[in-house]
Amino acid sequence: MRESRHRRLTRSAADRILGGVLGGFGQYFHISANLLRIIYVILTIMTAIVPGVIIYLILLIIMPPDPANPGILGMLHTLGDLSKQVTRDDHSRSRRQLTDVEEKDIKRNERS
């Protein structure tokens, strides 16, 4: 019971042929990943291939990688997060915050 609370649906790093999507479903639902692959291939062929490929690609993008072994897509995702963080840090360092500033109105035409 305790194990089911902490389980997450992730792409499998150990049981993968392409992206580990169906291996992740197999681990999550305790079903043979090969059985899921056979069913998925049959359904993909029956639906003219394109919808099955699109669904697989969407799942590949949406499903997080296995935290123990993220693979190349997980590493690319991590690098993307790091680059965003570095950009934010550089932006915050380049900005200076002013304190105790007084504001004065200066009219240029009144000097004449």
Protein backbone atom coordinates (compact mmCIF):
# COMPACT_ATOMS: atom_id res chain seq x y z
CA MET A 1 0.00 0.00 0.00
CA ARG A 2 2.78 2.40 0.90
CA GLU A 3 4.56 1.67 -2.40
CA SER A 4 1.52 2.67 -4.46
CA ARG A 5 1.42 6.15 -2.88
CA HIS A 6 4.98 6.96 -3.90
CA ARG A 7 4.90 5.43 -7.38
CA ARG A 8 5.18 7.82 -10.31
CA LEU A 9 4.57 7.16 -13.98
CA THR A 10 7.97 7.69 -15.60
CA ARG A 11 9.71 6.52 -18.74
CA SER A 12 11.66 3.36 -18.03
CA ALA A 13 15.43 3.42 -18.26
CA ALA A 14 15.84 -0.33 -17.92
CA ASP A 15 12.95 -1.66 -20.04
CA ARG A 16 13.07 0.43 -23.20
CA ILE A 17 13.16 -0.12 -26.92
CA LEU A 18 12.68 3.44 -28.17
CA GLY A 19 11.92 5.95 -25.45
CA GLY A 20 10.86 3.77 -22.53
CA VAL A 21 7.25 4.96 -22.61
CA LEU A 22 5.61 1.53 -22.76
CA GLY A 23 8.23 0.12 -20.38
CA GLY A 24 7.22 2.84 -17.92
CA PHE A 25 3.54 1.94 -18.30
CA GLY A 26 4.43 -1.71 -17.76
CA GLN A 27 6.32 -0.96 -14.56
CA TYR A 28 3.60 1.36 -13.27
CA PHE A 29 0.71 -1.05 -13.87
CA HIS A 30 2.74 -4.25 -13.20
CA ILE A 31 2.03 -5.56 -16.72
CA SER A 32 4.48 -7.06 -19.19
CA ALA A 33 5.89 -4.25 -21.30
CA ASN A 34 6.18 -6.62 -24.28
CA LEU A 35 2.44 -7.30 -24.12
CA LEU A 36 1.78 -3.55 -24.08
CA ARG A 37 4.11 -3.09 -27.04
CA ILE A 38 2.31 -5.77 -29.08
CA ILE A 39 -1.10 -4.24 -28.29
CA TYR A 40 0.19 -0.75 -29.11
CA VAL A 41 1.69 -1.82 -32.44
CA ILE A 42 -1.56 -3.57 -33.43
CA LEU A 43 -3.64 -0.51 -32.49
CA THR A 44 -1.22 1.79 -34.30
CA ILE A 45 -1.42 -0.26 -37.49
CA MET A 46 -5.23 -0.39 -37.26
CA THR A 47 -5.42 3.42 -36.98
CA ALA A 48 -3.26 4.11 -40.07
CA ILE A 49 -0.01 4.51 -38.08
CA VAL A 50 0.04 8.33 -37.83
CA PRO A 51 -2.14 8.77 -34.68
CA GLY A 52 -0.17 6.06 -32.85
CA VAL A 53 3.15 7.70 -33.67
CA ILE A 54 1.86 11.13 -32.63
CA ILE A 55 0.52 9.77 -29.34
CA TYR A 56 3.84 8.03 -28.64
CA LEU A 57 5.80 11.23 -29.32
CA ILE A 58 3.49 13.25 -27.07
CA LEU A 59 3.91 10.68 -24.28
CA LEU A 60 7.67 10.73 -24.83
CA ILE A 61 7.71 14.48 -24.30
CA ILE A 62 5.21 14.60 -21.42
CA MET A 63 6.36 11.65 -19.31
CA PRO A 64 9.31 12.47 -17.06
CA PRO A 65 12.37 10.23 -17.31
CA ASP A 66 13.31 7.69 -14.67
CA PRO A 67 15.04 9.74 -11.93
CA ALA A 68 17.67 7.04 -11.40
CA ASN A 69 18.78 7.12 -15.06
CA PRO A 70 17.34 10.06 -17.04
CA GLY A 71 18.86 9.15 -20.41
CA ILE A 72 19.61 11.65 -23.15
CA LEU A 73 16.18 13.34 -23.20
CA GLY A 74 16.32 13.81 -19.44
CA MET A 75 19.81 15.28 -19.70
CA LEU A 76 18.66 17.69 -22.41
CA HIS A 77 15.72 18.70 -20.25
CA THR A 78 18.07 19.28 -17.29
CA LEU A 79 20.42 21.35 -19.45
CA GLY A 80 17.46 23.45 -20.58
CA ASP A 81 16.48 24.08 -16.96
CA LEU A 82 20.07 25.01 -16.09
CA SER A 83 20.33 27.47 -18.96
CA LYS A 84 17.11 29.17 -17.85
CA GLN A 85 18.44 29.39 -14.30
CA VAL A 86 21.79 30.86 -15.45
CA THR A 87 19.98 33.44 -17.57
CA ARG A 88 17.83 34.47 -14.60
CA ASP A 89 20.89 34.70 -12.34
CA ASP A 90 22.78 36.85 -14.87
CA HIS A 91 19.77 39.13 -15.27
CA SER A 92 19.35 39.57 -11.52
CA ARG A 93 23.08 40.33 -11.08
CA SER A 94 23.13 42.94 -13.83
CA ARG A 95 20.22 44.89 -12.33
CA ARG A 96 20.95 47.20 -9.46
CA GLN A 97 18.38 48.11 -6.90
CA LEU A 98 18.32 51.72 -5.77
CA THR A 99 17.29 52.69 -2.26
CA ASP A 100 16.68 56.04 -0.57
CA VAL A 101 16.07 57.86 -3.85
CA GLU A 102 14.59 61.36 -3.94
CA GLU A 103 12.57 62.53 -6.87
CA LYS A 104 12.71 66.15 -8.04
CA ASP A 105 10.81 67.85 -10.85
CA ILE A 106 13.00 69.95 -13.10
CA LYS A 107 11.44 72.16 -15.74
CA ARG A 108 13.85 73.25 -18.45
CA ASN A 109 11.77 76.15 -19.80
CA GLU A 110 11.62 78.10 -16.50
CA ARG A 111 15.38 79.00 -16.53
CA SER A 112 15.04 81.58 -19.28
